[in-house]
């Protein structure tokens, strides 16, 4: 998952990048970038953003977002064993 997340620790809020599209003349589609399936259709941009905010709020109600750091194992270069014998 490629999550576009900007942490604001001072107020405990998160901001997400949202794509606004106009697929039809009287319809607005709002999608959270990087969150597949988190999109809504509405009659106005304001309504679409409100629906999307509600969807995200419900999703994040009993969750937390953490960072996980993983160290990549260091492998010996495959040619190194031959260089030692020269």
C-alpha atoms as a PDB file:
ATOM      1  CA  UNK A   1       0.000   0.000   0.000  1.00  0.00           C
ATOM      2  CA  UNK A   2       1.416   3.325  -0.996  1.00  0.00           C
ATOM      3  CA  UNK A   3      -0.017   5.579   1.659  1.00  0.00           C
ATOM      4  CA  UNK A   4       0.321   9.303   1.206  1.00  0.00           C
ATOM      5  CA  UNK A   5       0.311  10.409   4.804  1.00  0.00           C
ATOM      6  CA  UNK A   6       1.329  13.659   6.439  1.00  0.00           C
ATOM      7  CA  UNK A   7       1.459  13.502  10.229  1.00  0.00           C
ATOM      8  CA  UNK A   8       0.504  16.563  12.270  1.00  0.00           C
ATOM      9  CA  UNK A   9       1.420  15.473  15.783  1.00  0.00           C
ATOM     10  CA  UNK A  10       0.415  18.782  17.386  1.00  0.00           C
ATOM     11  CA  UNK A  11      -3.301  18.163  16.768  1.00  0.00           C
ATOM     12  CA  UNK A  12      -3.390  14.393  16.186  1.00  0.00           C
ATOM     13  CA  UNK A  13      -4.829  14.731  12.693  1.00  0.00           C
ATOM     14  CA  UNK A  14      -3.736  13.129   9.454  1.00  0.00           C
ATOM     15  CA  UNK A  15      -4.033  14.526   5.958  1.00  0.00           C
ATOM     16  CA  UNK A  16      -4.513  12.391   2.862  1.00  0.00           C
ATOM     17  CA  UNK A  17      -4.118  13.268  -0.792  1.00  0.00           C
ATOM     18  CA  UNK A  18      -7.522  13.121  -2.521  1.00  0.00           C
ATOM     19  CA  UNK A  19      -8.132  12.909  -6.259  1.00  0.00           C
ATOM     20  CA  UNK A  20     -11.240  14.769  -7.437  1.00  0.00           C
ATOM     21  CA  UNK A  21     -12.697  13.659 -10.773  1.00  0.00           C
ATOM     22  CA  UNK A  22     -15.733  14.729 -12.744  1.00  0.00           C
ATOM     23  CA  UNK A  23     -16.806  11.548 -14.589  1.00  0.00           C
ATOM     24  CA  UNK A  24     -20.203  12.967 -15.574  1.00  0.00           C
ATOM     25  CA  UNK A  25     -21.582  16.462 -15.871  1.00  0.00           C
ATOM     26  CA  UNK A  26     -23.444  16.349 -12.543  1.00  0.00           C
ATOM     27  CA  UNK A  27     -21.274  13.894 -10.618  1.00  0.00           C
ATOM     28  CA  UNK A  28     -18.074  14.186  -8.570  1.00  0.00           C
ATOM     29  CA  UNK A  29     -15.819  11.281  -7.650  1.00  0.00           C
ATOM     30  CA  UNK A  30     -13.361  11.623  -4.737  1.00  0.00           C
ATOM     31  CA  UNK A  31     -10.684   8.972  -4.112  1.00  0.00           C
ATOM     32  CA  UNK A  32      -7.994   8.705  -1.440  1.00  0.00           C
ATOM     33  CA  UNK A  33      -4.728   8.219  -3.306  1.00  0.00           C
ATOM     34  CA  UNK A  34      -3.041   4.979  -2.314  1.00  0.00           C
ATOM     35  CA  UNK A  35      -6.118   3.524  -0.608  1.00  0.00           C
ATOM     36  CA  UNK A  36      -7.773   1.206  -3.100  1.00  0.00           C
ATOM     37  CA  UNK A  37     -11.538   1.159  -2.702  1.00  0.00           C
ATOM     38  CA  UNK A  38     -11.763   4.407  -0.751  1.00  0.00           C
ATOM     39  CA  UNK A  39     -13.785   6.459  -3.171  1.00  0.00           C
ATOM     40  CA  UNK A  40     -17.206   8.043  -3.222  1.00  0.00           C
ATOM     41  CA  UNK A  41     -19.597   9.557  -5.759  1.00  0.00           C
ATOM     42  CA  UNK A  42     -21.620  12.674  -5.007  1.00  0.00           C
ATOM     43  CA  UNK A  43     -23.446  15.583  -6.614  1.00  0.00           C
ATOM     44  CA  UNK A  44     -20.859  18.189  -5.502  1.00  0.00           C
ATOM     45  CA  UNK A  45     -17.220  18.413  -4.493  1.00  0.00           C
ATOM     46  CA  UNK A  46     -18.161  19.418  -0.934  1.00  0.00           C
ATOM     47  CA  UNK A  47     -20.556  16.474  -0.582  1.00  0.00           C
ATOM     48  CA  UNK A  48     -17.954  14.065  -1.983  1.00  0.00           C
ATOM     49  CA  UNK A  49     -15.305  15.280   0.465  1.00  0.00           C
ATOM     50  CA  UNK A  50     -17.739  15.041   3.386  1.00  0.00           C
ATOM     51  CA  UNK A  51     -18.665  11.465   2.431  1.00  0.00           C
ATOM     52  CA  UNK A  52     -15.017  10.521   2.028  1.00  0.00           C
ATOM     53  CA  UNK A  53     -14.148  12.064   5.398  1.00  0.00           C
ATOM     54  CA  UNK A  54     -16.924  10.032   7.042  1.00  0.00           C
ATOM     55  CA  UNK A  55     -15.728   6.851   5.326  1.00  0.00           C
ATOM     56  CA  UNK A  56     -12.150   7.401   6.527  1.00  0.00           C
ATOM     57  CA  UNK A  57     -13.237   8.385  10.032  1.00  0.00           C
ATOM     58  CA  UNK A  58     -15.252   5.175  10.359  1.00  0.00           C
ATOM     59  CA  UNK A  59     -12.330   3.125   9.029  1.00  0.00           C
ATOM     60  CA  UNK A  60      -9.802   4.701  11.400  1.00  0.00           C
ATOM     61  CA  UNK A  61     -12.049   4.824  14.468  1.00  0.00           C
ATOM     62  CA  UNK A  62     -10.475   1.847  16.273  1.00  0.00           C
ATOM     63  CA  UNK A  63      -7.084   1.766  14.589  1.00  0.00           C
ATOM     64  CA  UNK A  64      -3.688   3.366  14.794  1.00  0.00           C
ATOM     65  CA  UNK A  65      -1.079   4.190  12.187  1.00  0.00           C
ATOM     66  CA  UNK A  66       2.488   3.220  13.002  1.00  0.00           C
ATOM     67  CA  UNK A  67       5.786   3.124  11.154  1.00  0.00           C
ATOM     68  CA  UNK A  68       7.589  -0.176  10.830  1.00  0.00           C
ATOM     69  CA  UNK A  69      11.298  -0.129  10.089  1.00  0.00           C
ATOM     70  CA  UNK A  70      12.866  -3.292   8.682  1.00  0.00           C
ATOM     71  CA  UNK A  71      16.604  -3.728   8.275  1.00  0.00           C
ATOM     72  CA  UNK A  72      17.615  -5.303   4.983  1.00  0.00           C
ATOM     73  CA  UNK A  73      20.014  -8.228   5.504  1.00  0.00           C
ATOM     74  CA  UNK A  74      23.461  -7.588   4.078  1.00  0.00           C
ATOM     75  CA  UNK A  75      24.497 -10.205   1.562  1.00  0.00           C
ATOM     76  CA  UNK A  76      28.019 -10.887   0.477  1.00  0.00           C
ATOM     77  CA  UNK A  77      28.677  -9.838  -3.089  1.00  0.00           C
ATOM     78  CA  UNK A  78      28.751 -13.031  -5.223  1.00  0.00           C
ATOM     79  CA  UNK A  79      32.157 -12.150  -6.739  1.00  0.00           C
ATOM     80  CA  UNK A  80      33.821 -11.347  -3.415  1.00  0.00           C
ATOM     81  CA  UNK A  81      34.852 -14.961  -2.719  1.00  0.00           C
ATOM     82  CA  UNK A  82      36.777 -15.043  -6.029  1.00  0.00           C
ATOM     83  CA  UNK A  83      38.532 -11.709  -5.349  1.00  0.00           C
ATOM     84  CA  UNK A  84      40.044 -13.051  -2.122  1.00  0.00           C
ATOM     85  CA  UNK A  85      41.783 -15.877  -4.062  1.00  0.00           C
ATOM     86  CA  UNK A  86      43.542 -13.604  -6.563  1.00  0.00           C
END
